[in-house]
N, C-alpha and C. Protein backbone atom coordinates (compact mmCIF):
# COMPACT_ATOMS: atom_id res chain seq x y z
N MET A 1 10.79 1.89 17.69
CA MET A 1 10.41 2.01 16.29
C MET A 1 9.19 1.13 16.01
N SER A 2 8.33 1.63 15.15
CA SER A 2 7.13 0.89 14.78
C SER A 2 7.35 0.17 13.46
N ASP A 3 6.69 -0.98 13.33
CA ASP A 3 6.76 -1.80 12.13
C ASP A 3 5.47 -1.56 11.34
N VAL A 4 5.63 -1.07 10.12
CA VAL A 4 4.49 -0.63 9.32
C VAL A 4 4.52 -1.29 7.95
N LEU A 5 3.36 -1.72 7.47
CA LEU A 5 3.23 -2.24 6.11
C LEU A 5 2.41 -1.26 5.28
N LEU A 6 2.98 -0.89 4.14
CA LEU A 6 2.35 0.02 3.21
C LEU A 6 2.06 -0.71 1.91
N SER A 7 0.96 -0.34 1.27
CA SER A 7 0.63 -0.85 -0.05
C SER A 7 0.82 0.28 -1.05
N LEU A 8 1.44 -0.04 -2.19
CA LEU A 8 1.66 0.95 -3.24
C LEU A 8 1.05 0.46 -4.54
N GLY A 9 0.49 1.39 -5.30
CA GLY A 9 -0.08 1.04 -6.59
C GLY A 9 0.03 2.20 -7.57
N SER A 10 0.06 1.86 -8.86
CA SER A 10 0.15 2.85 -9.92
C SER A 10 -0.41 2.26 -11.20
N ASN A 11 -1.12 3.09 -11.98
CA ASN A 11 -1.53 2.65 -13.31
C ASN A 11 -1.52 3.78 -14.33
N ILE A 12 -0.72 4.81 -14.06
CA ILE A 12 -0.52 5.91 -15.02
C ILE A 12 0.97 6.02 -15.29
N GLY A 13 1.33 6.09 -16.57
CA GLY A 13 2.73 6.24 -16.93
C GLY A 13 3.50 4.95 -16.71
N ASP A 14 4.77 5.09 -16.37
CA ASP A 14 5.63 3.93 -16.11
C ASP A 14 5.39 3.51 -14.65
N SER A 15 4.46 2.62 -14.45
CA SER A 15 4.02 2.25 -13.11
C SER A 15 5.13 1.65 -12.26
N ARG A 16 5.98 0.83 -12.86
CA ARG A 16 7.10 0.26 -12.09
C ARG A 16 8.02 1.37 -11.60
N ALA A 17 8.34 2.31 -12.49
CA ALA A 17 9.20 3.43 -12.12
C ALA A 17 8.53 4.30 -11.07
N ASN A 18 7.22 4.47 -11.16
CA ASN A 18 6.50 5.27 -10.17
C ASN A 18 6.62 4.65 -8.78
N ILE A 19 6.47 3.34 -8.70
CA ILE A 19 6.58 2.67 -7.41
C ILE A 19 8.02 2.75 -6.89
N THR A 20 8.98 2.53 -7.77
CA THR A 20 10.39 2.65 -7.38
C THR A 20 10.68 4.04 -6.83
N GLU A 21 10.17 5.06 -7.50
CA GLU A 21 10.38 6.44 -7.05
C GLU A 21 9.71 6.69 -5.71
N ALA A 22 8.50 6.18 -5.52
CA ALA A 22 7.79 6.37 -4.25
C ALA A 22 8.56 5.71 -3.10
N VAL A 23 9.10 4.52 -3.34
CA VAL A 23 9.87 3.82 -2.31
C VAL A 23 11.13 4.62 -1.98
N LYS A 24 11.80 5.15 -2.99
CA LYS A 24 12.99 5.98 -2.76
C LYS A 24 12.63 7.20 -1.92
N ARG A 25 11.52 7.85 -2.28
CA ARG A 25 11.10 9.04 -1.53
C ARG A 25 10.73 8.70 -0.09
N LEU A 26 10.07 7.57 0.10
CA LEU A 26 9.76 7.14 1.47
C LEU A 26 11.05 6.97 2.27
N ASN A 27 12.01 6.27 1.69
CA ASN A 27 13.27 6.00 2.40
C ASN A 27 14.07 7.28 2.66
N ASP A 28 13.90 8.29 1.80
CA ASP A 28 14.59 9.57 1.96
C ASP A 28 13.96 10.46 3.03
N GLU A 29 12.73 10.12 3.44
CA GLU A 29 12.03 10.93 4.45
C GLU A 29 12.67 10.73 5.82
N PRO A 30 12.93 11.82 6.54
CA PRO A 30 13.43 11.67 7.91
C PRO A 30 12.43 10.88 8.76
N GLY A 31 12.94 9.91 9.49
CA GLY A 31 12.09 9.13 10.38
C GLY A 31 11.44 7.92 9.75
N ILE A 32 11.74 7.66 8.48
CA ILE A 32 11.19 6.48 7.79
C ILE A 32 12.35 5.69 7.20
N SER A 33 12.38 4.39 7.47
CA SER A 33 13.42 3.52 6.93
C SER A 33 12.76 2.32 6.27
N VAL A 34 12.94 2.19 4.96
CA VAL A 34 12.39 1.05 4.22
C VAL A 34 13.23 -0.18 4.55
N LYS A 35 12.57 -1.23 5.00
CA LYS A 35 13.25 -2.47 5.40
C LYS A 35 13.05 -3.60 4.39
N ALA A 36 11.96 -3.59 3.64
CA ALA A 36 11.71 -4.65 2.67
C ALA A 36 10.75 -4.15 1.59
N LEU A 37 10.96 -4.62 0.38
CA LEU A 37 10.09 -4.32 -0.75
C LEU A 37 9.67 -5.64 -1.37
N SER A 38 8.39 -5.81 -1.58
CA SER A 38 7.88 -7.03 -2.20
C SER A 38 8.19 -7.04 -3.69
N PRO A 39 8.03 -8.21 -4.32
CA PRO A 39 7.99 -8.22 -5.78
C PRO A 39 6.78 -7.37 -6.23
N LEU A 40 6.80 -6.98 -7.49
CA LEU A 40 5.69 -6.22 -8.03
C LEU A 40 4.73 -7.15 -8.78
N TYR A 41 3.48 -6.73 -8.82
CA TYR A 41 2.42 -7.53 -9.43
C TYR A 41 1.59 -6.67 -10.37
N ARG A 42 1.21 -7.25 -11.50
CA ARG A 42 0.22 -6.62 -12.37
C ARG A 42 -1.13 -7.09 -11.85
N THR A 43 -2.05 -6.14 -11.63
CA THR A 43 -3.33 -6.48 -11.03
C THR A 43 -4.48 -5.81 -11.78
N ALA A 44 -5.58 -6.48 -11.82
CA ALA A 44 -6.78 -5.93 -12.43
C ALA A 44 -7.35 -4.82 -11.54
N PRO A 45 -7.85 -3.74 -12.14
CA PRO A 45 -8.42 -2.67 -11.32
C PRO A 45 -9.68 -3.13 -10.59
N VAL A 46 -9.94 -2.50 -9.45
CA VAL A 46 -11.14 -2.79 -8.65
C VAL A 46 -12.05 -1.58 -8.73
N GLY A 47 -13.35 -1.82 -8.88
CA GLY A 47 -14.30 -0.71 -8.88
C GLY A 47 -14.93 -0.50 -10.24
N PRO A 48 -15.79 0.52 -10.32
CA PRO A 48 -16.62 0.73 -11.50
C PRO A 48 -15.95 1.50 -12.64
N VAL A 49 -14.73 2.00 -12.46
CA VAL A 49 -14.09 2.85 -13.46
C VAL A 49 -13.25 2.00 -14.42
N ALA A 50 -13.52 2.13 -15.72
CA ALA A 50 -12.71 1.43 -16.73
C ALA A 50 -11.33 2.09 -16.77
N GLN A 51 -10.28 1.28 -16.63
CA GLN A 51 -8.92 1.82 -16.59
C GLN A 51 -7.92 0.71 -16.82
N ASP A 52 -6.66 1.11 -17.01
CA ASP A 52 -5.58 0.15 -17.22
C ASP A 52 -5.32 -0.64 -15.95
N ASP A 53 -4.67 -1.80 -16.13
CA ASP A 53 -4.23 -2.59 -14.99
C ASP A 53 -3.27 -1.78 -14.12
N PHE A 54 -3.16 -2.18 -12.87
CA PHE A 54 -2.25 -1.56 -11.92
C PHE A 54 -0.98 -2.37 -11.80
N VAL A 55 0.06 -1.73 -11.30
CA VAL A 55 1.21 -2.41 -10.75
C VAL A 55 1.14 -2.14 -9.26
N ASN A 56 1.19 -3.21 -8.46
CA ASN A 56 1.10 -3.09 -7.00
C ASN A 56 2.29 -3.76 -6.33
N GLY A 57 2.60 -3.26 -5.16
CA GLY A 57 3.64 -3.84 -4.33
C GLY A 57 3.40 -3.43 -2.89
N ALA A 58 4.27 -3.90 -2.01
CA ALA A 58 4.18 -3.55 -0.59
C ALA A 58 5.58 -3.25 -0.08
N VAL A 59 5.64 -2.38 0.91
CA VAL A 59 6.90 -2.11 1.59
C VAL A 59 6.69 -2.22 3.09
N ARG A 60 7.75 -2.67 3.73
CA ARG A 60 7.78 -2.73 5.19
C ARG A 60 8.73 -1.63 5.64
N VAL A 61 8.23 -0.75 6.49
CA VAL A 61 9.07 0.35 6.97
C VAL A 61 9.12 0.34 8.49
N GLU A 62 10.20 0.92 9.00
CA GLU A 62 10.29 1.22 10.42
C GLU A 62 10.21 2.72 10.56
N THR A 63 9.47 3.17 11.57
CA THR A 63 9.33 4.60 11.77
C THR A 63 9.04 4.91 13.24
N ALA A 64 9.44 6.09 13.63
CA ALA A 64 9.07 6.61 14.95
C ALA A 64 7.94 7.62 14.81
N LEU A 65 7.51 7.86 13.57
CA LEU A 65 6.44 8.82 13.32
C LEU A 65 5.09 8.26 13.78
N ALA A 66 4.24 9.12 14.30
CA ALA A 66 2.87 8.73 14.63
C ALA A 66 2.13 8.39 13.34
N PRO A 67 1.11 7.53 13.42
CA PRO A 67 0.38 7.14 12.20
C PRO A 67 -0.12 8.32 11.37
N GLU A 68 -0.67 9.34 12.01
CA GLU A 68 -1.20 10.49 11.28
C GLU A 68 -0.08 11.25 10.57
N VAL A 69 1.08 11.34 11.21
CA VAL A 69 2.22 12.03 10.60
C VAL A 69 2.74 11.21 9.41
N LEU A 70 2.84 9.91 9.58
CA LEU A 70 3.26 9.04 8.48
C LEU A 70 2.29 9.17 7.31
N MET A 71 1.00 9.18 7.61
CA MET A 71 -0.01 9.33 6.55
C MET A 71 0.19 10.64 5.80
N GLN A 72 0.45 11.71 6.52
CA GLN A 72 0.67 13.00 5.87
C GLN A 72 1.91 12.96 4.98
N ARG A 73 2.95 12.29 5.44
CA ARG A 73 4.17 12.17 4.61
C ARG A 73 3.86 11.39 3.32
N CYS A 74 3.06 10.33 3.44
CA CYS A 74 2.68 9.55 2.25
C CYS A 74 1.88 10.41 1.28
N LEU A 75 0.95 11.19 1.79
CA LEU A 75 0.14 12.07 0.95
C LEU A 75 1.00 13.15 0.28
N THR A 76 1.99 13.64 1.01
CA THR A 76 2.90 14.64 0.45
C THR A 76 3.72 14.05 -0.70
N ILE A 77 4.17 12.81 -0.53
CA ILE A 77 4.90 12.13 -1.61
C ILE A 77 3.99 11.94 -2.81
N GLU A 78 2.77 11.48 -2.58
CA GLU A 78 1.82 11.32 -3.69
C GLU A 78 1.66 12.63 -4.46
N ALA A 79 1.44 13.72 -3.74
CA ALA A 79 1.23 15.02 -4.38
C ALA A 79 2.47 15.46 -5.15
N ALA A 80 3.65 15.26 -4.57
CA ALA A 80 4.90 15.64 -5.23
C ALA A 80 5.12 14.85 -6.52
N MET A 81 4.56 13.65 -6.57
CA MET A 81 4.70 12.81 -7.77
C MET A 81 3.59 13.08 -8.78
N GLY A 82 2.66 13.98 -8.46
CA GLY A 82 1.64 14.38 -9.42
C GLY A 82 0.23 13.91 -9.14
N ARG A 83 -0.01 13.29 -8.02
CA ARG A 83 -1.37 12.85 -7.71
C ARG A 83 -2.17 14.01 -7.14
N ASP A 84 -3.36 14.20 -7.69
CA ASP A 84 -4.28 15.25 -7.24
C ASP A 84 -5.52 14.58 -6.68
N ARG A 85 -5.50 14.28 -5.39
CA ARG A 85 -6.61 13.56 -4.76
C ARG A 85 -7.92 14.35 -4.81
N LYS A 86 -7.85 15.67 -4.71
CA LYS A 86 -9.07 16.49 -4.66
C LYS A 86 -9.87 16.42 -5.95
N ASN A 87 -9.20 16.31 -7.09
CA ASN A 87 -9.88 16.32 -8.38
C ASN A 87 -9.92 14.95 -9.05
N ALA A 88 -9.49 13.94 -8.36
CA ALA A 88 -9.44 12.60 -8.94
C ALA A 88 -10.80 11.91 -8.86
N VAL A 89 -11.01 10.99 -9.78
CA VAL A 89 -12.21 10.15 -9.78
C VAL A 89 -12.00 9.07 -8.73
N ARG A 90 -12.99 8.89 -7.83
CA ARG A 90 -12.86 7.85 -6.81
C ARG A 90 -12.68 6.50 -7.48
N TRP A 91 -11.70 5.73 -7.02
CA TRP A 91 -11.34 4.41 -7.53
C TRP A 91 -10.80 4.47 -8.96
N GLY A 92 -10.40 5.67 -9.40
CA GLY A 92 -9.93 5.86 -10.77
C GLY A 92 -8.43 5.69 -10.89
N PRO A 93 -7.91 5.97 -12.08
CA PRO A 93 -6.48 5.85 -12.33
C PRO A 93 -5.68 6.78 -11.43
N ARG A 94 -4.45 6.36 -11.13
CA ARG A 94 -3.59 7.21 -10.31
C ARG A 94 -2.13 6.93 -10.61
N ILE A 95 -1.35 7.99 -10.54
CA ILE A 95 0.08 7.87 -10.78
C ILE A 95 0.75 7.13 -9.64
N ILE A 96 0.27 7.36 -8.42
CA ILE A 96 0.79 6.64 -7.25
C ILE A 96 -0.26 6.66 -6.15
N ASP A 97 -0.33 5.56 -5.44
CA ASP A 97 -1.21 5.43 -4.29
C ASP A 97 -0.39 4.76 -3.20
N ILE A 98 -0.32 5.40 -2.04
CA ILE A 98 0.41 4.84 -0.91
C ILE A 98 -0.56 4.75 0.26
N ASP A 99 -0.86 3.54 0.69
CA ASP A 99 -1.79 3.32 1.79
C ASP A 99 -1.09 2.65 2.97
N ILE A 100 -1.36 3.15 4.17
CA ILE A 100 -0.89 2.47 5.37
C ILE A 100 -1.88 1.34 5.65
N ILE A 101 -1.40 0.12 5.67
CA ILE A 101 -2.27 -1.03 5.88
C ILE A 101 -2.22 -1.47 7.35
N LEU A 102 -1.02 -1.68 7.86
CA LEU A 102 -0.84 -2.10 9.25
C LEU A 102 0.24 -1.24 9.89
N TYR A 103 -0.03 -0.80 11.10
CA TYR A 103 0.94 -0.02 11.87
C TYR A 103 1.05 -0.69 13.23
N ASP A 104 2.15 -1.46 13.42
CA ASP A 104 2.26 -2.32 14.60
C ASP A 104 0.94 -3.09 14.74
N ASP A 105 0.42 -3.14 15.96
CA ASP A 105 -0.87 -3.79 16.20
C ASP A 105 -1.96 -2.77 16.50
N LEU A 106 -1.73 -1.54 16.08
CA LEU A 106 -2.67 -0.46 16.41
C LEU A 106 -4.00 -0.61 15.71
N THR A 107 -5.03 -0.24 16.42
CA THR A 107 -6.36 -0.07 15.86
C THR A 107 -6.72 1.39 16.06
N VAL A 108 -6.96 2.09 14.96
CA VAL A 108 -7.26 3.52 15.00
C VAL A 108 -8.41 3.78 14.05
N SER A 109 -9.33 4.62 14.47
CA SER A 109 -10.41 5.07 13.59
C SER A 109 -10.64 6.55 13.85
N SER A 110 -10.18 7.36 12.90
CA SER A 110 -10.33 8.80 13.02
C SER A 110 -10.75 9.36 11.67
N GLU A 111 -10.89 10.66 11.59
CA GLU A 111 -11.26 11.29 10.31
C GLU A 111 -10.14 11.17 9.29
N THR A 112 -8.91 11.02 9.75
CA THR A 112 -7.77 11.01 8.84
C THR A 112 -7.20 9.63 8.54
N ILE A 113 -7.44 8.65 9.42
CA ILE A 113 -6.82 7.34 9.22
C ILE A 113 -7.63 6.24 9.92
N THR A 114 -7.67 5.08 9.27
CA THR A 114 -8.27 3.89 9.86
C THR A 114 -7.25 2.77 9.78
N LEU A 115 -6.95 2.18 10.91
CA LEU A 115 -5.98 1.09 11.00
C LEU A 115 -6.54 -0.06 11.80
N PRO A 116 -6.30 -1.29 11.37
CA PRO A 116 -5.77 -1.64 10.06
C PRO A 116 -6.66 -1.09 8.94
N HIS A 117 -6.09 -1.02 7.75
CA HIS A 117 -6.87 -0.54 6.60
C HIS A 117 -8.13 -1.40 6.50
N PRO A 118 -9.29 -0.78 6.36
CA PRO A 118 -10.55 -1.53 6.49
C PRO A 118 -10.82 -2.61 5.44
N ARG A 119 -10.23 -2.52 4.26
CA ARG A 119 -10.57 -3.50 3.21
C ARG A 119 -9.41 -4.40 2.80
N PHE A 120 -8.30 -4.36 3.54
CA PHE A 120 -7.14 -5.12 3.08
C PHE A 120 -7.39 -6.63 3.07
N ARG A 121 -8.22 -7.13 3.98
CA ARG A 121 -8.45 -8.58 4.10
C ARG A 121 -9.13 -9.17 2.88
N GLU A 122 -9.79 -8.35 2.08
CA GLU A 122 -10.53 -8.84 0.91
C GLU A 122 -9.85 -8.51 -0.41
N ARG A 123 -8.66 -7.93 -0.37
CA ARG A 123 -8.01 -7.46 -1.58
C ARG A 123 -6.70 -8.22 -1.84
N ALA A 124 -6.75 -9.09 -2.83
CA ALA A 124 -5.57 -9.88 -3.16
C ALA A 124 -4.42 -8.99 -3.59
N PHE A 125 -4.71 -7.86 -4.26
CA PHE A 125 -3.64 -6.99 -4.72
C PHE A 125 -2.87 -6.35 -3.56
N VAL A 126 -3.45 -6.37 -2.37
CA VAL A 126 -2.77 -5.90 -1.17
C VAL A 126 -2.15 -7.09 -0.43
N LEU A 127 -2.91 -8.14 -0.24
CA LEU A 127 -2.45 -9.29 0.54
C LEU A 127 -1.29 -10.05 -0.09
N VAL A 128 -1.32 -10.24 -1.39
CA VAL A 128 -0.27 -11.04 -2.04
C VAL A 128 1.11 -10.41 -1.81
N PRO A 129 1.31 -9.12 -2.15
CA PRO A 129 2.65 -8.56 -1.89
C PRO A 129 3.00 -8.45 -0.42
N MET A 130 2.02 -8.16 0.44
CA MET A 130 2.32 -8.09 1.87
C MET A 130 2.75 -9.44 2.42
N ALA A 131 2.10 -10.50 1.96
CA ALA A 131 2.45 -11.84 2.42
C ALA A 131 3.84 -12.25 1.93
N ASP A 132 4.31 -11.64 0.85
CA ASP A 132 5.68 -11.91 0.38
C ASP A 132 6.72 -11.42 1.38
N ILE A 133 6.45 -10.29 2.03
CA ILE A 133 7.47 -9.70 2.91
C ILE A 133 7.18 -9.87 4.40
N ALA A 134 5.94 -10.26 4.73
CA ALA A 134 5.60 -10.43 6.15
C ALA A 134 4.53 -11.50 6.34
N PRO A 135 4.77 -12.73 5.85
CA PRO A 135 3.74 -13.76 5.90
C PRO A 135 3.32 -14.12 7.33
N GLU A 136 4.23 -13.94 8.28
CA GLU A 136 3.94 -14.31 9.67
C GLU A 136 3.21 -13.22 10.44
N ARG A 137 3.10 -12.03 9.88
CA ARG A 137 2.44 -10.91 10.57
C ARG A 137 1.01 -11.30 10.90
N VAL A 138 0.61 -11.15 12.16
CA VAL A 138 -0.71 -11.58 12.62
C VAL A 138 -1.65 -10.37 12.76
N VAL A 139 -2.85 -10.54 12.20
CA VAL A 139 -3.91 -9.53 12.31
C VAL A 139 -5.18 -10.27 12.66
N ASP A 140 -5.82 -9.87 13.73
CA ASP A 140 -7.06 -10.51 14.18
C ASP A 140 -6.91 -12.02 14.34
N GLY A 141 -5.77 -12.43 14.87
CA GLY A 141 -5.56 -13.85 15.16
C GLY A 141 -5.13 -14.71 14.00
N LYS A 142 -4.94 -14.11 12.80
CA LYS A 142 -4.52 -14.89 11.63
C LYS A 142 -3.31 -14.23 10.99
N SER A 143 -2.41 -15.04 10.48
CA SER A 143 -1.26 -14.51 9.76
C SER A 143 -1.71 -13.97 8.40
N LEU A 144 -0.88 -13.10 7.83
CA LEU A 144 -1.20 -12.60 6.48
C LEU A 144 -1.27 -13.75 5.49
N ALA A 145 -0.40 -14.75 5.67
CA ALA A 145 -0.45 -15.93 4.79
C ALA A 145 -1.80 -16.63 4.90
N ALA A 146 -2.35 -16.71 6.11
CA ALA A 146 -3.67 -17.33 6.29
C ALA A 146 -4.78 -16.47 5.69
N TRP A 147 -4.70 -15.15 5.89
CA TRP A 147 -5.70 -14.27 5.28
C TRP A 147 -5.69 -14.43 3.76
N LEU A 148 -4.50 -14.61 3.20
CA LEU A 148 -4.36 -14.72 1.76
C LEU A 148 -5.08 -15.94 1.20
N THR A 149 -5.16 -17.02 1.97
CA THR A 149 -5.83 -18.23 1.47
C THR A 149 -7.33 -18.02 1.28
N ALA A 150 -7.88 -16.96 1.87
CA ALA A 150 -9.33 -16.73 1.80
C ALA A 150 -9.75 -15.79 0.66
N VAL A 151 -8.78 -15.30 -0.14
CA VAL A 151 -9.14 -14.38 -1.22
C VAL A 151 -8.87 -14.99 -2.59
N ASP A 152 -9.60 -14.51 -3.56
CA ASP A 152 -9.42 -14.93 -4.95
C ASP A 152 -8.22 -14.16 -5.54
N ARG A 153 -7.22 -14.89 -5.99
CA ARG A 153 -6.01 -14.28 -6.53
C ARG A 153 -6.08 -14.04 -8.04
N ALA A 154 -7.23 -14.29 -8.64
CA ALA A 154 -7.38 -14.06 -10.08
C ALA A 154 -7.09 -12.59 -10.37
N GLY A 155 -6.36 -12.35 -11.45
CA GLY A 155 -6.04 -10.99 -11.83
C GLY A 155 -4.82 -10.41 -11.14
N VAL A 156 -4.10 -11.25 -10.36
CA VAL A 156 -2.86 -10.82 -9.69
C VAL A 156 -1.71 -11.66 -10.24
N GLU A 157 -0.84 -11.01 -11.02
CA GLU A 157 0.24 -11.73 -11.71
C GLU A 157 1.59 -11.09 -11.38
N ARG A 158 2.51 -11.89 -10.87
CA ARG A 158 3.85 -11.38 -10.57
C ARG A 158 4.57 -10.95 -11.85
N ILE A 159 5.23 -9.81 -11.80
CA ILE A 159 5.95 -9.32 -12.99
C ILE A 159 7.43 -9.15 -12.70
């Protein structure tokens, strides 16, 4: 089984309920077992689009699914919950966002997936919840707790 960290975010509707529903759907998927859920955080949006704050969290899952298959399952859950990636504004509001951040120690770069997620090291809204559930996880020679010390946590508030 592979150890995977996912980041979840929502800023449309009842964001806490959206994340709870996404976690339930992940755990209901054959071949995916949710092992830990971080506390949730209210976070300021990133990017040029004016929008409401997000609620973000992280989950640790075990899976035997290949990274590309897991990614497709995440996208299917997003779509089932109402996310329309094709017509969405880049970096805009979303009902749910599920990103694979770390998949074991794999490094992958393809048209469909990049692992580790290319921008996680600079995003407190990803690092803070991940460090809650896997502070010892090492990426590029540093633990998630150590990566977290290098980012600005302004705009990330536990709820």
